[in-house]
Amino acid sequence: MGIFLSILFALLNMSSTTFVGSTPCGKNIKPIRSMDTSDCEFAKWTLVIDDLEKGFGKFKLHCVYGMTVPGTPNIRNGGSVCDLQGSWALETGIAGFAGAQVIRLDPDNGAEKIRFLKLNEKLIHLLDSEKRLMIGTSAWSFTLNAR
């Protein structure tokens, strides 16, 4: 009974933060290198990070991307899906700012690492493979908001 209560207590105390947002994508704009963005205008993201305050933990990323349906927030034909999960850790430093806090996602399937600049507890911004800020468009940025 003691082990069961310990596990239950640990599960109840685990916190998670969900970040959501829409970003651009296209033939030359690949938020995640493994995405086939040849027929893509934007991507909808949901990123759940467990234990953000600890500086490490588990994550789940769900991304739907493709061409827009004009006049709606929808993606044509349901779009393509990218689902990743794994561990994450906080690291420091980006080009020009050595003290920056960076959330590094390490997918379980061995896919490339994905990094976000942690702007504050409610905002993160996608970084490219060189740890530079991804540049958005007039319609979308690469910033995700905590919900």
Protein backbone atom coordinates (compact mmCIF):
# COMPACT_ATOMS: atom_id res chain seq x y z
CA MET A 1 0.00 0.00 0.00
CA GLY A 2 2.90 2.40 0.73
CA ILE A 3 4.31 2.14 -2.83
CA PHE A 4 0.86 2.73 -4.34
CA LEU A 5 0.37 5.88 -2.25
CA SER A 6 3.87 7.12 -3.17
CA ILE A 7 3.17 6.69 -6.90
CA LEU A 8 -0.27 8.31 -6.58
CA PHE A 9 1.21 11.24 -4.67
CA ALA A 10 3.94 11.70 -7.33
CA LEU A 11 1.36 11.66 -10.14
CA LEU A 12 -0.87 14.18 -8.38
CA ASN A 13 2.07 16.55 -7.88
CA MET A 14 3.30 16.36 -11.48
CA SER A 15 2.45 19.56 -13.29
CA SER A 16 2.36 20.20 -16.99
CA THR A 17 2.29 23.32 -19.12
CA THR A 18 0.54 23.33 -22.50
CA PHE A 19 1.79 25.70 -25.19
CA VAL A 20 -0.26 26.33 -28.35
CA GLY A 21 0.16 28.40 -31.47
CA SER A 22 0.13 28.61 -35.24
CA THR A 23 3.31 29.09 -37.26
CA PRO A 24 4.12 29.51 -40.93
CA CYS A 25 5.56 26.69 -43.01
CA GLY A 26 6.36 26.23 -46.67
CA LYS A 27 8.78 24.85 -49.19
CA ASN A 28 11.64 26.85 -47.65
CA ILE A 29 10.20 27.22 -44.13
CA LYS A 30 10.47 23.99 -42.13
CA PRO A 31 9.67 24.39 -38.44
CA ILE A 32 10.85 20.78 -37.98
CA ARG A 33 13.31 19.49 -40.56
CA SER A 34 11.58 16.11 -40.90
CA MET A 35 8.25 17.72 -41.91
CA ASP A 36 7.32 17.56 -45.61
CA THR A 37 6.37 21.20 -46.07
CA SER A 38 6.27 21.23 -49.87
CA ASP A 39 2.50 21.87 -49.77
CA CYS A 40 2.17 23.87 -46.56
CA GLU A 41 1.12 27.34 -45.43
CA PHE A 42 0.82 26.96 -41.69
CA ALA A 43 1.09 24.58 -38.76
CA LYS A 44 -0.98 24.31 -35.57
CA TRP A 45 1.03 23.26 -32.51
CA THR A 46 0.18 21.77 -29.13
CA LEU A 47 3.19 21.15 -26.90
CA VAL A 48 2.75 19.68 -23.42
CA ILE A 49 5.80 19.96 -21.17
CA ASP A 50 5.79 18.19 -17.82
CA ASP A 51 7.47 19.79 -14.81
CA LEU A 52 8.61 23.02 -16.50
CA GLU A 53 9.71 24.43 -13.15
CA LYS A 54 12.13 21.51 -12.58
CA GLY A 55 14.17 22.13 -15.72
CA PHE A 56 13.72 18.64 -17.18
CA GLY A 57 10.99 16.08 -17.77
CA LYS A 58 8.82 14.57 -20.50
CA PHE A 59 7.05 16.23 -23.42
CA LYS A 60 4.39 15.49 -26.06
CA LEU A 61 4.20 17.47 -29.28
CA HIS A 62 1.26 17.38 -31.70
CA CYS A 63 1.50 19.40 -34.90
CA VAL A 64 -0.98 19.49 -37.79
CA TYR A 65 0.18 21.30 -40.91
CA GLY A 66 -0.80 21.95 -44.51
CA MET A 67 -2.66 24.38 -46.75
CA THR A 68 -5.34 26.64 -45.29
CA VAL A 69 -9.04 26.52 -46.06
CA PRO A 70 -9.75 30.17 -47.01
CA GLY A 71 -11.84 32.06 -44.48
CA THR A 72 -11.49 29.39 -41.77
CA PRO A 73 -8.92 28.34 -39.16
CA ASN A 74 -8.86 24.84 -40.74
CA ILE A 75 -6.27 22.94 -42.73
CA ARG A 76 -7.32 21.47 -46.10
CA ASN A 77 -8.08 17.71 -46.01
CA GLY A 78 -7.12 17.51 -42.33
CA GLY A 79 -3.47 18.22 -43.12
CA SER A 80 -0.42 16.16 -42.20
CA VAL A 81 0.39 15.21 -38.62
CA CYS A 82 3.63 15.19 -36.67
CA ASP A 83 3.42 13.54 -33.22
CA LEU A 84 6.54 13.35 -31.08
CA GLN A 85 7.22 12.56 -27.45
CA GLY A 86 10.30 12.16 -25.34
CA SER A 87 12.34 13.98 -22.75
CA TRP A 88 13.21 17.64 -22.48
CA ALA A 89 15.81 19.64 -20.61
CA LEU A 90 16.63 23.27 -20.01
CA GLU A 91 19.93 24.49 -21.46
CA THR A 92 21.47 27.93 -21.78
CA GLY A 93 22.70 30.09 -24.60
CA ILE A 94 21.82 31.18 -28.11
CA ALA A 95 23.81 33.26 -30.60
CA GLY A 96 24.24 36.73 -29.12
CA PHE A 97 22.77 35.87 -25.70
CA ALA A 98 24.73 33.39 -23.61
CA GLY A 99 22.29 33.59 -20.68
CA ALA A 100 19.17 32.69 -22.65
CA GLN A 101 17.09 29.78 -21.34
CA VAL A 102 16.42 27.18 -24.03
CA ILE A 103 13.98 24.25 -23.84
CA ARG A 104 15.54 21.32 -25.75
CA LEU A 105 13.17 18.55 -26.85
CA ASP A 106 14.79 15.12 -27.36
CA PRO A 107 12.27 12.88 -29.19
CA ASP A 108 12.23 9.18 -28.24
CA ASN A 109 12.31 8.13 -31.92
CA GLY A 110 15.76 9.64 -32.47
CA ALA A 111 14.43 12.55 -34.55
CA GLU A 112 16.32 15.83 -34.49
CA LYS A 113 16.32 17.88 -31.31
CA ILE A 114 13.89 20.80 -31.30
CA ARG A 115 14.68 23.93 -29.35
CA PHE A 116 12.55 26.81 -28.07
CA LEU A 117 13.76 30.01 -26.48
CA LYS A 118 11.96 30.40 -23.15
CA LEU A 119 10.90 34.06 -23.16
CA ASN A 120 9.04 33.69 -19.86
CA GLU A 121 6.74 31.14 -18.18
CA LYS A 122 3.98 31.80 -20.73
CA LEU A 123 5.87 32.30 -24.04
CA ILE A 124 8.36 30.20 -26.00
CA HIS A 125 9.80 30.84 -29.46
CA LEU A 126 11.00 28.18 -31.91
CA LEU A 127 14.71 28.19 -32.77
CA ASP A 128 16.31 26.94 -35.97
CA SER A 129 19.07 24.29 -36.08
CA GLU A 130 21.68 27.02 -35.46
CA LYS A 131 19.83 28.13 -32.28
CA ARG A 132 18.64 31.37 -33.93
CA LEU A 133 15.10 32.73 -33.68
CA MET A 134 12.85 31.49 -36.48
CA ILE A 135 11.50 34.49 -38.40
CA GLY A 136 7.75 34.59 -39.02
CA THR A 137 5.55 36.32 -41.56
CA SER A 138 3.08 39.19 -41.38
CA ALA A 139 0.40 36.63 -40.49
CA TRP A 140 2.18 34.18 -38.15
CA SER A 141 5.14 34.07 -35.80
CA PHE A 142 7.01 31.12 -34.29
CA THR A 143 5.92 31.98 -30.73
CA LEU A 144 3.76 29.57 -28.73
CA ASN A 145 1.63 30.71 -25.78
CA ALA A 146 0.86 28.84 -22.58
CA ARG A 147 -2.81 28.16 -22.21
